[in-house]
Amino acid sequence: MLNLERRTRKPSLLAGLGGLLAATAVGLSAYASHGIADPLAQSHVTTAALYAFGHGVALAVLGPTQQNTLGRLALYVLLIGTLLFSGSLVAGALWKLSTQLAPIGGTALMVGWLAYGLNALKR
């Protein structure tokens, strides 16, 4: 159960980072729409922004609710996976760097969600 009493809520690093990730995603999306001419690069940055936004919102909402180690670990894996996946796509699209970290990030996202789901089932 969520305790909405302000005095008893603790700051949440995951929620703060999730908000930052979602805000960055909005900027990436705008840049993809207005600042990138190459269709493939635009598609990669748009995909990166979509994943960053969705996972940023998830972290912002779920971060403060996780009281146990597995729940928090699952969300940190989601954060790392998002940074690797989205970051690799953006680096490839904007600076022609390798996107070899994208599959590792995608795998981390799947592992993070599986861990989160298993944690929810065992409560």
PDB file of N, CA and C in Angstrom:
ATOM      1  N   MET A   1       0.841  -1.176   0.000  1.00  0.00           N
ATOM      2  CA  MET A   1       0.000   0.000   0.000  1.00  0.00           C
ATOM      3  C   MET A   1       0.885   1.239   0.000  1.00  0.00           C
ATOM      4  N   LEU A   2       0.502   2.223  -0.767  1.00  0.00           N
ATOM      5  CA  LEU A   2       1.258   3.465  -0.838  1.00  0.00           C
ATOM      6  C   LEU A   2       0.914   4.354   0.345  1.00  0.00           C
ATOM      7  N   ASN A   3       1.930   4.865   0.987  1.00  0.00           N
ATOM      8  CA  ASN A   3       1.727   5.822   2.060  1.00  0.00           C
ATOM      9  C   ASN A   3       1.912   7.209   1.463  1.00  0.00           C
ATOM     10  N   LEU A   4       0.825   7.947   1.345  1.00  0.00           N
ATOM     11  CA  LEU A   4       0.875   9.241   0.687  1.00  0.00           C
ATOM     12  C   LEU A   4       1.127  10.399   1.645  1.00  0.00           C
ATOM     13  N   GLU A   5       1.343  10.100   2.913  1.00  0.00           N
ATOM     14  CA  GLU A   5       1.657  11.135   3.880  1.00  0.00           C
ATOM     15  C   GLU A   5       3.035  11.700   3.567  1.00  0.00           C
ATOM     16  N   ARG A   6       3.112  12.972   3.256  1.00  0.00           N
ATOM     17  CA  ARG A   6       4.354  13.588   2.786  1.00  0.00           C
ATOM     18  C   ARG A   6       5.505  13.463   3.780  1.00  0.00           C
ATOM     19  N   ARG A   7       5.236  13.610   5.032  1.00  0.00           N
ATOM     20  CA  ARG A   7       6.299  13.576   6.032  1.00  0.00           C
ATOM     21  C   ARG A   7       6.949  12.206   6.152  1.00  0.00           C
ATOM     22  N   THR A   8       6.255  11.156   5.755  1.00  0.00           N
ATOM     23  CA  THR A   8       6.817   9.814   5.895  1.00  0.00           C
ATOM     24  C   THR A   8       7.416   9.286   4.601  1.00  0.00           C
ATOM     25  N   ARG A   9       7.222   9.990   3.487  1.00  0.00           N
ATOM     26  CA  ARG A   9       7.804   9.545   2.227  1.00  0.00           C
ATOM     27  C   ARG A   9       9.276   9.880   2.180  1.00  0.00           C
ATOM     28  N   LYS A  10      10.056   8.953   1.649  1.00  0.00           N
ATOM     29  CA  LYS A  10      11.483   9.172   1.483  1.00  0.00           C
ATOM     30  C   LYS A  10      11.759   9.567   0.034  1.00  0.00           C
ATOM     31  N   PRO A  11      12.817  10.329  -0.189  1.00  0.00           N
ATOM     32  CA  PRO A  11      13.194  10.625  -1.574  1.00  0.00           C
ATOM     33  C   PRO A  11      13.514   9.325  -2.310  1.00  0.00           C
ATOM     34  N   SER A  12      13.239   9.293  -3.594  1.00  0.00           N
ATOM     35  CA  SER A  12      13.485   8.096  -4.393  1.00  0.00           C
ATOM     36  C   SER A  12      14.428   8.426  -5.538  1.00  0.00           C
ATOM     37  N   LEU A  13      15.631   7.877  -5.475  1.00  0.00           N
ATOM     38  CA  LEU A  13      16.593   8.065  -6.551  1.00  0.00           C
ATOM     39  C   LEU A  13      16.040   7.504  -7.852  1.00  0.00           C
ATOM     40  N   LEU A  14      15.395   6.337  -7.781  1.00  0.00           N
ATOM     41  CA  LEU A  14      14.830   5.733  -8.990  1.00  0.00           C
ATOM     42  C   LEU A  14      13.772   6.633  -9.616  1.00  0.00           C
ATOM     43  N   ALA A  15      12.919   7.213  -8.797  1.00  0.00           N
ATOM     44  CA  ALA A  15      11.881   8.102  -9.324  1.00  0.00           C
ATOM     45  C   ALA A  15      12.497   9.351  -9.935  1.00  0.00           C
ATOM     46  N   GLY A  16      13.506   9.916  -9.284  1.00  0.00           N
ATOM     47  CA  GLY A  16      14.172  11.089  -9.827  1.00  0.00           C
ATOM     48  C   GLY A  16      14.858  10.807 -11.145  1.00  0.00           C
ATOM     49  N   LEU A  17      15.553   9.674 -11.225  1.00  0.00           N
ATOM     50  CA  LEU A  17      16.214   9.297 -12.472  1.00  0.00           C
ATOM     51  C   LEU A  17      15.193   8.962 -13.556  1.00  0.00           C
ATOM     52  N   GLY A  18      14.076   8.375 -13.148  1.00  0.00           N
ATOM     53  CA  GLY A  18      13.010   8.090 -14.107  1.00  0.00           C
ATOM     54  C   GLY A  18      12.444   9.363 -14.711  1.00  0.00           C
ATOM     55  N   GLY A  19      12.247  10.373 -13.879  1.00  0.00           N
ATOM     56  CA  GLY A  19      11.775  11.659 -14.388  1.00  0.00           C
ATOM     57  C   GLY A  19      12.773  12.292 -15.341  1.00  0.00           C
ATOM     58  N   LEU A  20      14.044  12.212 -14.996  1.00  0.00           N
ATOM     59  CA  LEU A  20      15.099  12.740 -15.864  1.00  0.00           C
ATOM     60  C   LEU A  20      15.143  11.982 -17.190  1.00  0.00           C
ATOM     61  N   LEU A  21      14.985  10.679 -17.125  1.00  0.00           N
ATOM     62  CA  LEU A  21      14.970   9.854 -18.336  1.00  0.00           C
ATOM     63  C   LEU A  21      13.783  10.219 -19.227  1.00  0.00           C
ATOM     64  N   ALA A  22      12.609  10.400 -18.641  1.00  0.00           N
ATOM     65  CA  ALA A  22      11.419  10.759 -19.419  1.00  0.00           C
ATOM     66  C   ALA A  22      11.575  12.152 -20.045  1.00  0.00           C
ATOM     67  N   ALA A  23      12.131  13.094 -19.300  1.00  0.00           N
ATOM     68  CA  ALA A  23      12.341  14.438 -19.851  1.00  0.00           C
ATOM     69  C   ALA A  23      13.336  14.403 -21.015  1.00  0.00           C
ATOM     70  N   THR A  24      14.389  13.622 -20.864  1.00  0.00           N
ATOM     71  CA  THR A  24      15.368  13.473 -21.943  1.00  0.00           C
ATOM     72  C   THR A  24      14.707  12.865 -23.172  1.00  0.00           C
ATOM     73  N   ALA A  25      13.826  11.914 -22.941  1.00  0.00           N
ATOM     74  CA  ALA A  25      13.128  11.259 -24.055  1.00  0.00           C
ATOM     75  C   ALA A  25      12.274  12.245 -24.839  1.00  0.00           C
ATOM     76  N   VAL A  26      11.634  13.174 -24.159  1.00  0.00           N
ATOM     77  CA  VAL A  26      10.833  14.186 -24.855  1.00  0.00           C
ATOM     78  C   VAL A  26      11.738  15.025 -25.756  1.00  0.00           C
ATOM     79  N   GLY A  27      12.896  15.421 -25.233  1.00  0.00           N
ATOM     80  CA  GLY A  27      13.840  16.180 -26.041  1.00  0.00           C
ATOM     81  C   GLY A  27      14.362  15.377 -27.229  1.00  0.00           C
ATOM     82  N   LEU A  28      14.673  14.109 -27.013  1.00  0.00           N
ATOM     83  CA  LEU A  28      15.128  13.248 -28.114  1.00  0.00           C
ATOM     84  C   LEU A  28      14.062  13.109 -29.188  1.00  0.00           C
ATOM     85  N   SER A  29      12.840  12.956 -28.758  1.00  0.00           N
ATOM     86  CA  SER A  29      11.739  12.813 -29.715  1.00  0.00           C
ATOM     87  C   SER A  29      11.579  14.074 -30.560  1.00  0.00           C
ATOM     88  N   ALA A  30      11.657  15.213 -29.909  1.00  0.00           N
ATOM     89  CA  ALA A  30      11.560  16.478 -30.656  1.00  0.00           C
ATOM     90  C   ALA A  30      12.728  16.626 -31.625  1.00  0.00           C
ATOM     91  N   TYR A  31      13.909  16.259 -31.178  1.00  0.00           N
ATOM     92  CA  TYR A  31      15.074  16.348 -32.058  1.00  0.00           C
ATOM     93  C   TYR A  31      14.937  15.381 -33.228  1.00  0.00           C
ATOM     94  N   ALA A  32      14.438  14.193 -32.980  1.00  0.00           N
ATOM     95  CA  ALA A  32      14.233  13.228 -34.067  1.00  0.00           C
ATOM     96  C   ALA A  32      13.250  13.779 -35.094  1.00  0.00           C
ATOM     97  N   SER A  33      12.214  14.442 -34.629  1.00  0.00           N
ATOM     98  CA  SER A  33      11.193  14.976 -35.537  1.00  0.00           C
ATOM     99  C   SER A  33      11.655  16.202 -36.314  1.00  0.00           C
ATOM    100  N   HIS A  34      12.460  17.040 -35.695  1.00  0.00           N
ATOM    101  CA  HIS A  34      12.791  18.326 -36.305  1.00  0.00           C
ATOM    102  C   HIS A  34      14.252  18.514 -36.700  1.00  0.00           C
ATOM    103  N   GLY A  35      15.149  17.655 -36.193  1.00  0.00           N
ATOM    104  CA  GLY A  35      16.553  17.910 -36.420  1.00  0.00           C
ATOM    105  C   GLY A  35      17.315  16.824 -37.154  1.00  0.00           C
ATOM    106  N   ILE A  36      16.631  15.737 -37.504  1.00  0.00           N
ATOM    107  CA  ILE A  36      17.317  14.634 -38.176  1.00  0.00           C
ATOM    108  C   ILE A  36      16.656  14.395 -39.526  1.00  0.00           C
ATOM    109  N   ALA A  37      17.435  14.476 -40.575  1.00  0.00           N
ATOM    110  CA  ALA A  37      16.896  14.301 -41.926  1.00  0.00           C
ATOM    111  C   ALA A  37      16.923  12.846 -42.386  1.00  0.00           C
ATOM    112  N   ASP A  38      17.947  12.097 -41.988  1.00  0.00           N
ATOM    113  CA  ASP A  38      18.082  10.708 -42.415  1.00  0.00           C
ATOM    114  C   ASP A  38      16.982   9.846 -41.791  1.00  0.00           C
ATOM    115  N   PRO A  39      16.153   9.178 -42.609  1.00  0.00           N
ATOM    116  CA  PRO A  39      15.031   8.406 -42.067  1.00  0.00           C
ATOM    117  C   PRO A  39      15.442   7.281 -41.112  1.00  0.00           C
ATOM    118  N   LEU A  40      16.546   6.585 -41.400  1.00  0.00           N
ATOM    119  CA  LEU A  40      16.971   5.497 -40.511  1.00  0.00           C
ATOM    120  C   LEU A  40      17.441   6.047 -39.166  1.00  0.00           C
ATOM    121  N   ALA A  41      18.237   7.109 -39.201  1.00  0.00           N
ATOM    122  CA  ALA A  41      18.695   7.726 -37.960  1.00  0.00           C
ATOM    123  C   ALA A  41      17.501   8.269 -37.172  1.00  0.00           C
ATOM    124  N   GLN A  42      16.560   8.877 -37.871  1.00  0.00           N
ATOM    125  CA  GLN A  42      15.359   9.403 -37.216  1.00  0.00           C
ATOM    126  C   GLN A  42      14.571   8.278 -36.543  1.00  0.00           C
ATOM    127  N   SER A  43      14.455   7.150 -37.224  1.00  0.00           N
ATOM    128  CA  SER A  43      13.750   5.995 -36.670  1.00  0.00           C
ATOM    129  C   SER A  43      14.449   5.468 -35.420  1.00  0.00           C
ATOM    130  N   HIS A  44      15.780   5.395 -35.458  1.00  0.00           N
ATOM    131  CA  HIS A  44      16.518   4.889 -34.304  1.00  0.00           C
ATOM    132  C   HIS A  44      16.379   5.810 -33.096  1.00  0.00           C
ATOM    133  N   VAL A  45      16.451   7.115 -33.312  1.00  0.00           N
ATOM    134  CA  VAL A  45      16.323   8.052 -32.201  1.00  0.00           C
ATOM    135  C   VAL A  45      14.890   8.052 -31.667  1.00  0.00           C
ATOM    136  N   THR A  46      13.918   7.925 -32.542  1.00  0.00           N
ATOM    137  CA  THR A  46      12.522   7.853 -32.103  1.00  0.00           C
ATOM    138  C   THR A  46      12.288   6.597 -31.263  1.00  0.00           C
ATOM    139  N   THR A  47      12.843   5.474 -31.688  1.00  0.00           N
ATOM    140  CA  THR A  47      12.722   4.231 -30.919  1.00  0.00           C
ATOM    141  C   THR A  47      13.400   4.381 -29.558  1.00  0.00           C
ATOM    142  N   ALA A  48      14.587   4.967 -29.558  1.00  0.00           N
ATOM    143  CA  ALA A  48      15.296   5.193 -28.297  1.00  0.00           C
ATOM    144  C   ALA A  48      14.466   6.072 -27.360  1.00  0.00           C
ATOM    145  N   ALA A  49      13.869   7.118 -27.902  1.00  0.00           N
ATOM    146  CA  ALA A  49      13.046   8.021 -27.091  1.00  0.00           C
ATOM    147  C   ALA A  49      11.818   7.302 -26.542  1.00  0.00           C
ATOM    148  N   LEU A  50      11.203   6.464 -27.343  1.00  0.00           N
ATOM    149  CA  LEU A  50      10.029   5.710 -26.895  1.00  0.00           C
ATOM    150  C   LEU A  50      10.368   4.812 -25.712  1.00  0.00           C
ATOM    151  N   TYR A  51      11.466   4.068 -25.825  1.00  0.00           N
ATOM    152  CA  TYR A  51      11.871   3.189 -24.732  1.00  0.00           C
ATOM    153  C   TYR A  51      12.283   3.993 -23.504  1.00  0.00           C
ATOM    154  N   ALA A  52      13.006   5.073 -23.703  1.00  0.00           N
ATOM    155  CA  ALA A  52      13.436   5.899 -22.573  1.00  0.00           C
ATOM    156  C   ALA A  52      12.234   6.523 -21.866  1.00  0.00           C
ATOM    157  N   PHE A  53      11.256   6.981 -22.628  1.00  0.00           N
ATOM    158  CA  PHE A  53      10.094   7.597 -22.003  1.00  0.00           C
ATOM    159  C   PHE A  53       9.285   6.569 -21.209  1.00  0.00           C
ATOM    160  N   GLY A  54       8.982   5.455 -21.842  1.00  0.00           N
ATOM    161  CA  GLY A  54       8.182   4.432 -21.160  1.00  0.00           C
ATOM    162  C   GLY A  54       8.840   3.921 -19.892  1.00  0.00           C
ATOM    163  N   HIS A  55      10.138   3.656 -19.971  1.00  0.00           N
ATOM    164  CA  HIS A  55      10.826   3.140 -18.795  1.00  0.00           C
ATOM    165  C   HIS A  55      11.085   4.239 -17.766  1.00  0.00           C
ATOM    166  N   GLY A  56      11.245   5.474 -18.229  1.00  0.00           N
ATOM    167  CA  GLY A  56      11.368   6.585 -17.290  1.00  0.00           C
ATOM    168  C   GLY A  56      10.112   6.756 -16.457  1.00  0.00           C
ATOM    169  N   VAL A  57       8.968   6.687 -17.109  1.00  0.00           N
ATOM    170  CA  VAL A  57       7.695   6.789 -16.383  1.00  0.00           C
ATOM    171  C   VAL A  57       7.543   5.609 -15.424  1.00  0.00           C
ATOM    172  N   ALA A  58       7.885   4.410 -15.882  1.00  0.00           N
ATOM    173  CA  ALA A  58       7.793   3.236 -15.011  1.00  0.00           C
ATOM    174  C   ALA A  58       8.665   3.419 -13.769  1.00  0.00           C
ATOM    175  N   LEU A  59       9.879   3.899 -13.947  1.00  0.00           N
ATOM    176  CA  LEU A  59      10.771   4.112 -12.806  1.00  0.00           C
ATOM    177  C   LEU A  59      10.233   5.197 -11.878  1.00  0.00           C
ATOM    178  N   ALA A  60       9.694   6.264 -12.463  1.00  0.00           N
ATOM    179  CA  ALA A  60       9.157   7.355 -11.647  1.00  0.00           C
ATOM    180  C   ALA A  60       7.981   6.883 -10.794  1.00  0.00           C
ATOM    181  N   VAL A  61       7.161   6.015 -11.343  1.00  0.00           N
ATOM    182  CA  VAL A  61       5.982   5.539 -10.616  1.00  0.00           C
ATOM    183  C   VAL A  61       6.323   4.391  -9.667  1.00  0.00           C
ATOM    184  N   LEU A  62       7.110   3.443 -10.141  1.00  0.00           N
ATOM    185  CA  LEU A  62       7.375   2.240  -9.354  1.00  0.00           C
ATOM    186  C   LEU A  62       8.513   2.401  -8.348  1.00  0.00           C
ATOM    187  N   GLY A  63       9.453   3.308  -8.634  1.00  0.00           N
ATOM    188  CA  GLY A  63      10.611   3.471  -7.762  1.00  0.00           C
ATOM    189  C   GLY A  63      10.278   3.674  -6.292  1.00  0.00           C
ATOM    190  N   PRO A  64       9.397   4.601  -5.972  1.00  0.00           N
ATOM    191  CA  PRO A  64       9.100   4.835  -4.556  1.00  0.00           C
ATOM    192  C   PRO A  64       8.345   3.693  -3.876  1.00  0.00           C
ATOM    193  N   THR A  65       7.780   2.783  -4.655  1.00  0.00           N
ATOM    194  CA  THR A  65       6.963   1.718  -4.063  1.00  0.00           C
ATOM    195  C   THR A  65       7.755   0.481  -3.672  1.00  0.00           C
ATOM    196  N   GLN A  66       8.987   0.365  -4.126  1.00  0.00           N
ATOM    197  CA  GLN A  66       9.753  -0.867  -3.894  1.00  0.00           C
ATOM    198  C   GLN A  66      10.475  -0.820  -2.558  1.00  0.00           C
ATOM    199  N   GLN A  67      10.075  -1.709  -1.688  1.00  0.00           N
ATOM    200  CA  GLN A  67      10.649  -1.748  -0.352  1.00  0.00           C
ATOM    201  C   GLN A  67      11.664  -2.876  -0.180  1.00  0.00           C
ATOM    202  N   ASN A  68      11.641  -3.863  -1.070  1.00  0.00           N
ATOM    203  CA  ASN A  68      12.570  -4.981  -0.897  1.00  0.00           C
ATOM    204  C   ASN A  68      13.688  -4.934  -1.928  1.00  0.00           C
ATOM    205  N   THR A  69      14.716  -5.703  -1.662  1.00  0.00           N
ATOM    206  CA  THR A  69      15.927  -5.670  -2.483  1.00  0.00           C
ATOM    207  C   THR A  69      15.672  -6.114  -3.912  1.00  0.00           C
ATOM    208  N   LEU A  70      14.924  -7.194  -4.107  1.00  0.00           N
ATOM    209  CA  LEU A  70      14.678  -7.695  -5.466  1.00  0.00           C
ATOM    210  C   LEU A  70      13.904  -6.674  -6.296  1.00  0.00           C
ATOM    211  N   GLY A  71      12.923  -6.026  -5.694  1.00  0.00           N
ATOM    212  CA  GLY A  71      12.149  -5.015  -6.412  1.00  0.00           C
ATOM    213  C   GLY A  71      13.007  -3.846  -6.855  1.00  0.00           C
ATOM    214  N   ARG A  72      13.838  -3.351  -5.955  1.00  0.00           N
ATOM    215  CA  ARG A  72      14.728  -2.240  -6.310  1.00  0.00           C
ATOM    216  C   ARG A  72      15.770  -2.681  -7.333  1.00  0.00           C
ATOM    217  N   LEU A  73      16.322  -3.873  -7.156  1.00  0.00           N
ATOM    218  CA  LEU A  73      17.307  -4.385  -8.105  1.00  0.00           C
ATOM    219  C   LEU A  73      16.703  -4.497  -9.501  1.00  0.00           C
ATOM    220  N   ALA A  74      15.483  -5.001  -9.590  1.00  0.00           N
ATOM    221  CA  ALA A  74      14.805  -5.128 -10.885  1.00  0.00           C
ATOM    222  C   ALA A  74      14.688  -3.766 -11.564  1.00  0.00           C
ATOM    223  N   LEU A  75      14.357  -2.742 -10.796  1.00  0.00           N
ATOM    224  CA  LEU A  75      14.204  -1.404 -11.380  1.00  0.00           C
ATOM    225  C   LEU A  75      15.554  -0.809 -11.778  1.00  0.00           C
ATOM    226  N   TYR A  76      16.592  -1.085 -11.017  1.00  0.00           N
ATOM    227  CA  TYR A  76      17.924  -0.614 -11.430  1.00  0.00           C
ATOM    228  C   TYR A  76      18.390  -1.331 -12.701  1.00  0.00           C
ATOM    229  N   VAL A  77      18.035  -2.604 -12.844  1.00  0.00           N
ATOM    230  CA  VAL A  77      18.348  -3.319 -14.090  1.00  0.00           C
ATOM    231  C   VAL A  77      17.589  -2.673 -15.255  1.00  0.00           C
ATOM    232  N   LEU A  78      16.341  -2.271 -15.031  1.00  0.00           N
ATOM    233  CA  LEU A  78      15.589  -1.556 -16.071  1.00  0.00           C
ATOM    234  C   LEU A  78      16.276  -0.239 -16.436  1.00  0.00           C
ATOM    235  N   LEU A  79      16.750   0.472 -15.442  1.00  0.00           N
ATOM    236  CA  LEU A  79      17.450   1.735 -15.704  1.00  0.00           C
ATOM    237  C   LEU A  79      18.706   1.493 -16.547  1.00  0.00           C
ATOM    238  N   ILE A  80      19.507   0.532 -16.147  1.00  0.00           N
ATOM    239  CA  ILE A  80      20.740   0.232 -16.889  1.00  0.00           C
ATOM    240  C   ILE A  80      20.407  -0.249 -18.296  1.00  0.00           C
ATOM    241  N   GLY A  81      19.401  -1.112 -18.409  1.00  0.00           N
ATOM    242  CA  GLY A  81      18.996  -1.602 -19.724  1.00  0.00           C
ATOM    243  C   GLY A  81      18.534  -0.487 -20.642  1.00  0.00           C
ATOM    244  N   THR A  82      17.782   0.442 -20.095  1.00  0.00           N
ATOM    245  CA  THR A  82      17.303   1.578 -20.894  1.00  0.00           C
ATOM    246  C   THR A  82      18.460   2.450 -21.354  1.00  0.00           C
ATOM    247  N   LEU A  83      19.383   2.718 -20.444  1.00  0.00           N
ATOM    248  CA  LEU A  83      20.542   3.538 -20.814  1.00  0.00           C
ATOM    249  C   LEU A  83      21.377   2.859 -21.896  1.00  0.00           C
ATOM    250  N   LEU A  84      21.578   1.556 -21.778  1.00  0.00           N
ATOM    251  CA  LEU A  84      22.356   0.833 -22.788  1.00  0.00           C
ATOM    252  C   LEU A  84      21.624   0.765 -24.123  1.00  0.00           C
ATOM    253  N   PHE A  85      20.342   0.408 -24.074  1.00  0.00           N
ATOM    254  CA  PHE A  85      19.570   0.251 -25.304  1.00  0.00           C
ATOM    255  C   PHE A  85      19.383   1.592 -26.003  1.00  0.00           C
ATOM    256  N   SER A  86      18.787   2.530 -25.309  1.00  0.00           N
ATOM    257  CA  SER A  86      18.500   3.832 -25.922  1.00  0.00           C
ATOM    258  C   SER A  86      19.793   4.587 -26.230  1.00  0.00           C
ATOM    259  N   GLY A  87      20.733   4.540 -25.304  1.00  0.00           N
ATOM    260  CA  GLY A  87      21.998   5.231 -25.524  1.00  0.00           C
ATOM    261  C   GLY A  87      22.744   4.710 -26.736  1.00  0.00           C
ATOM    262  N   SER A  88      22.728   3.404 -26.927  1.00  0.00           N
ATOM    263  CA  SER A  88      23.407   2.809 -28.071  1.00  0.00           C
ATOM    264  C   SER A  88      22.739   3.226 -29.382  1.00  0.00           C
ATOM    265  N   LEU A  89      21.411   3.234 -29.403  1.00  0.00           N
ATOM    266  CA  LEU A  89      20.709   3.664 -30.618  1.00  0.00           C
ATOM    267  C   LEU A  89      20.980   5.132 -30.942  1.00  0.00           C
ATOM    268  N   VAL A  90      20.967   5.978 -29.935  1.00  0.00           N
ATOM    269  CA  VAL A  90      21.226   7.406 -30.158  1.00  0.00           C
ATOM    270  C   VAL A  90      22.667   7.619 -30.602  1.00  0.00           C
ATOM    271  N   ALA A  91      23.611   6.950 -29.952  1.00  0.00           N
ATOM    272  CA  ALA A  91      25.026   7.102 -30.328  1.00  0.00           C
ATOM    273  C   ALA A  91      25.261   6.630 -31.762  1.00  0.00           C
ATOM    274  N   GLY A  92      24.595   5.563 -32.149  1.00  0.00           N
ATOM    275  CA  GLY A  92      24.729   5.082 -33.520  1.00  0.00           C
ATOM    276  C   GLY A  92      24.122   6.034 -34.528  1.00  0.00           C
ATOM    277  N   ALA A  93      22.966   6.585 -34.190  1.00  0.00           N
ATOM    278  CA  ALA A  93      22.267   7.470 -35.125  1.00  0.00           C
ATOM    279  C   ALA A  93      22.939   8.840 -35.249  1.00  0.00           C
ATOM    280  N   LEU A  94      23.377   9.387 -34.144  1.00  0.00           N
ATOM    281  CA  LEU A  94      23.904  10.755 -34.171  1.00  0.00           C
ATOM    282  C   LEU A  94      25.403  10.840 -34.421  1.00  0.00           C
ATOM    283  N   TRP A  95      26.148   9.866 -33.913  1.00  0.00           N
ATOM    284  CA  TRP A  95      27.603   9.967 -34.003  1.00  0.00           C
ATOM    285  C   TRP A  95      28.246   8.788 -34.740  1.00  0.00           C
ATOM    286  N   LYS A  96      27.402   7.961 -35.353  1.00  0.00           N
ATOM    287  CA  LYS A  96      27.879   6.808 -36.131  1.00  0.00           C
ATOM    288  C   LYS A  96      28.736   5.850 -35.297  1.00  0.00           C
ATOM    289  N   LEU A  97      28.464   5.762 -33.995  1.00  0.00           N
ATOM    290  CA  LEU A  97      29.149   4.813 -33.135  1.00  0.00           C
ATOM    291  C   LEU A  97      28.454   3.461 -33.217  1.00  0.00           C
ATOM    292  N   SER A  98      29.097   2.447 -32.718  1.00  0.00           N
ATOM    293  CA  SER A  98      28.540   1.099 -32.752  1.00  0.00           C
ATOM    294  C   SER A  98      27.275   1.016 -31.890  1.00  0.00           C
ATOM    295  N   THR A  99      26.344   0.203 -32.346  1.00  0.00           N
ATOM    296  CA  THR A  99      25.119  -0.046 -31.574  1.00  0.00           C
ATOM    297  C   THR A  99      25.183  -1.408 -30.883  1.00  0.00           C
ATOM    298  N   GLN A 100      26.385  -1.929 -30.664  1.00  0.00           N
ATOM    299  CA  GLN A 100      26.529  -3.268 -30.124  1.00  0.00           C
ATOM    300  C   GLN A 100      26.018  -3.412 -28.691  1.00  0.00           C
ATOM    301  N   LEU A 101      25.811  -2.315 -27.984  1.00  0.00           N
ATOM    302  CA  LEU A 101      25.272  -2.402 -26.625  1.00  0.00           C
ATOM    303  C   LEU A 101      23.744  -2.499 -26.597  1.00  0.00           C
ATOM    304  N   ALA A 102      23.097  -2.225 -27.720  1.00  0.00           N
ATOM    305  CA  ALA A 102      21.630  -2.273 -27.766  1.00  0.00           C
ATOM    306  C   ALA A 102      21.089  -3.661 -27.407  1.00  0.00           C
ATOM    307  N   PRO A 103      21.623  -4.753 -27.950  1.00  0.00           N
ATOM    308  CA  PRO A 103      21.094  -6.067 -27.556  1.00  0.00           C
ATOM    309  C   PRO A 103      21.309  -6.387 -26.069  1.00  0.00           C
ATOM    310  N   ILE A 104      22.421  -5.926 -25.521  1.00  0.00           N
ATOM    311  CA  ILE A 104      22.669  -6.138 -24.087  1.00  0.00           C
ATOM    312  C   ILE A 104      21.639  -5.354 -23.283  1.00  0.00           C
ATOM    313  N   GLY A 105      21.379  -4.116 -23.706  1.00  0.00           N
ATOM    314  CA  GLY A 105      20.363  -3.309 -23.035  1.00  0.00           C
ATOM    315  C   GLY A 105      18.976  -3.917 -23.148  1.00  0.00           C
ATOM    316  N   GLY A 106      18.640  -4.418 -24.335  1.00  0.00           N
ATOM    317  CA  GLY A 106      17.333  -5.053 -24.521  1.00  0.00           C
ATOM    318  C   GLY A 106      17.179  -6.293 -23.651  1.00  0.00           C
ATOM    319  N   THR A 107      18.245  -7.071 -23.557  1.00  0.00           N
ATOM    320  CA  THR A 107      18.217  -8.256 -22.690  1.00  0.00           C
ATOM    321  C   THR A 107      18.054  -7.850 -21.235  1.00  0.00           C
ATOM    322  N   ALA A 108      18.765  -6.791 -20.827  1.00  0.00           N
ATOM    323  CA  ALA A 108      18.630  -6.290 -19.454  1.00  0.00           C
ATOM    324  C   ALA A 108      17.201  -5.827 -19.181  1.00  0.00           C
ATOM    325  N   LEU A 109      16.562  -5.209 -20.165  1.00  0.00           N
ATOM    326  CA  LEU A 109      15.162  -4.791 -19.984  1.00  0.00           C
ATOM    327  C   LEU A 109      14.257  -5.998 -19.754  1.00  0.00           C
ATOM    328  N   MET A 110      14.465  -7.044 -20.533  1.00  0.00           N
ATOM    329  CA  MET A 110      13.645  -8.250 -20.347  1.00  0.00           C
ATOM    330  C   MET A 110      13.898  -8.876 -18.976  1.00  0.00           C
ATOM    331  N   VAL A 111      15.168  -8.960 -18.578  1.00  0.00           N
ATOM    332  CA  VAL A 111      15.515  -9.534 -17.275  1.00  0.00           C
ATOM    333  C   VAL A 111      14.925  -8.674 -16.152  1.00  0.00           C
ATOM    334  N   GLY A 112      15.029  -7.363 -16.284  1.00  0.00           N
ATOM    335  CA  GLY A 112      14.475  -6.473 -15.267  1.00  0.00           C
ATOM    336  C   GLY A 112      12.978  -6.642 -15.094  1.00  0.00           C
ATOM    337  N   TRP A 113      12.252  -6.724 -16.212  1.00  0.00           N
ATOM    338  CA  TRP A 113      10.802  -6.905 -16.114  1.00  0.00           C
ATOM    339  C   TRP A 113      10.439  -8.279 -15.565  1.00  0.00           C
ATOM    340  N   LEU A 114      11.193  -9.301 -15.947  1.00  0.00           N
ATOM    341  CA  LEU A 114      10.944 -10.632 -15.383  1.00  0.00           C
ATOM    342  C   LEU A 114      11.181 -10.634 -13.872  1.00  0.00           C
ATOM    343  N   ALA A 115      12.268 -10.021 -13.438  1.00  0.00           N
ATOM    344  CA  ALA A 115      12.555  -9.948 -12.003  1.00  0.00           C
ATOM    345  C   ALA A 115      11.482  -9.153 -11.270  1.00  0.00           C
ATOM    346  N   TYR A 116      11.026  -8.066 -11.883  1.00  0.00           N
ATOM    347  CA  TYR A 116       9.971  -7.268 -11.262  1.00  0.00           C
ATOM    348  C   TYR A 116       8.686  -8.098 -11.130  1.00  0.00           C
ATOM    349  N   GLY A 117       8.344  -8.810 -12.197  1.00  0.00           N
ATOM    350  CA  GLY A 117       7.140  -9.643 -12.163  1.00  0.00           C
ATOM    351  C   GLY A 117       7.242 -10.763 -11.133  1.00  0.00           C
ATOM    352  N   LEU A 118       8.381 -11.427 -11.064  1.00  0.00           N
ATOM    353  CA  LEU A 118       8.574 -12.496 -10.072  1.00  0.00           C
ATOM    354  C   LEU A 118       8.495 -11.933  -8.667  1.00  0.00           C
ATOM    355  N   ASN A 119       9.077 -10.768  -8.456  1.00  0.00           N
ATOM    356  CA  ASN A 119       9.004 -10.138  -7.148  1.00  0.00           C
ATOM    357  C   ASN A 119       7.548  -9.822  -6.767  1.00  0.00           C
ATOM    358  N   ALA A 120       6.775  -9.357  -7.745  1.00  0.00           N
ATOM    359  CA  ALA A 120       5.370  -9.048  -7.470  1.00  0.00           C
ATOM    360  C   ALA A 120       4.584 -10.305  -7.121  1.00  0.00           C
ATOM    361  N   LEU A 121       4.927 -11.423  -7.738  1.00  0.00           N
ATOM    362  CA  LEU A 121       4.212 -12.678  -7.453  1.00  0.00           C
ATOM    363  C   LEU A 121       4.549 -13.251  -6.096  1.00  0.00           C
ATOM    364  N   LYS A 122       5.739 -12.993  -5.606  1.00  0.00           N
ATOM    365  CA  LYS A 122       6.127 -13.593  -4.326  1.00  0.00           C
ATOM    366  C   LYS A 122       5.756 -12.760  -3.112  1.00  0.00           C
ATOM    367  N   ARG A 123       5.192 -11.586  -3.302  1.00  0.00           N
ATOM    368  CA  ARG A 123       4.797 -10.749  -2.155  1.00  0.00           C
ATOM    369  C   ARG A 123       3.671 -11.350  -1.388  1.00  0.00           C
TER     370      ARG A 123
END
